[in-house]
Amino acid sequence: MPRVSVIIPVYNGERYIEEAIESVLAQTFRDFELIVVNDGSTDGTQQGLEKYHDRISVISQQNRGLPAARESGLRTARSPLVAFLDSDDTWLPRKLERQVEFAEAHPEYGIVTTDQLSFTDTGVICQSIKEWYRVYNGYILEKLLFGNWISSSAAMVRRECFEKVHTFGLERPAYGEDWLMWMQIAAYFPAYFIDEVLVRRRVHPNSMSSQGGEIQFRCLFRNLEIVRELIPELRARPELIREVYFRLCFRRGLKDLRALELRNARDKLRRAVGYKPYAVGGWAFLAASYVPARILRGVKQIVKGWRQLRFG
């Protein structure tokens, strides 16, 4: 039995899948099995996988979405440690080595994750996930509720964790299903963040993080409902849940307001002040969402011009 199972779900990923596979095969740690789940690809993905027939296991299925593909890989995995890699991301060579070293020395930790950088075809856009999130170690359930710094391509999970929680099954549209999993595991097990960039996350127009904001918002709202039902510790903290709902609605509403998508902004900001009626900022931006778009556009131009004058 290999010590690590690596799962790569892929759908129409002919452009990047070989690079992802090569980054796994180039690991300094060698005792792993690599499972690629072809989720009904209609491009040249299958042909690209055939060249690795003697080094990887391939599961082919009808297109059921990313969560279902991860689920299929998980059912096939045999190892006590499971690592995930998205088909458009890559690993640095010592990624598995560093995680296995920590996991075997500290068997009490359910998740061992790492830092990552994000890039596009034109270059690096973020050197570290710590530029976006504060990261924590130990029992992180409440911290993880407010921000997910555990990248799906960076996480290594102890198999016994999956025996206690619901797995990746989630109806489409699916966004944030990895966070659902980490939240459930964090309710039982501590997690550890290796402060070293060992993953390269690719951002492109077809990546999940680049999908439409309204779809993301609906999925995140649904995910909060799910974790509230699944985790008794959170059901017992209604004030904490209200704060999370407020932040989600407020931040997404503010983003819509900046984009002059005023109808969407009003909807989210109304929800925000419903969760936190005493939030002055929520009411102020809700009022701003009723200002005609042409006036707000003019204000944006004035602010932009002022900043250029001030900062050169």
Foldseek 3Di string as FASTA:
>chain_A
DFAEEEEEEDAQLVPQQVVAVVLVCLAPDDRYAYEYEYQQHPDCPVVVCVVCVVRHHYHYDHHQDDLVSVVVSLVVDDHQKYAYAYRRKHWHRHQVVVQVVVCVVDVQAFKEFEWAWEAEPVGTDGPTLVVVADDDWFLCLLVLLQDPSGDSNGIMGGSVLCVQDPGQDDHPPADCSVSLSVNSSSLPGIYHYHYDHTMYHYDDCPDPVNDDPVRNLVNVVVSLVVSCVVRVVNVVPVLSSLVSLLVSLQVSLVVCVVVLVLVSNLVSLVSNCVSPVPPPVSVVVNVVSPPDSVVVVVVVVVVVVVVVVVVD
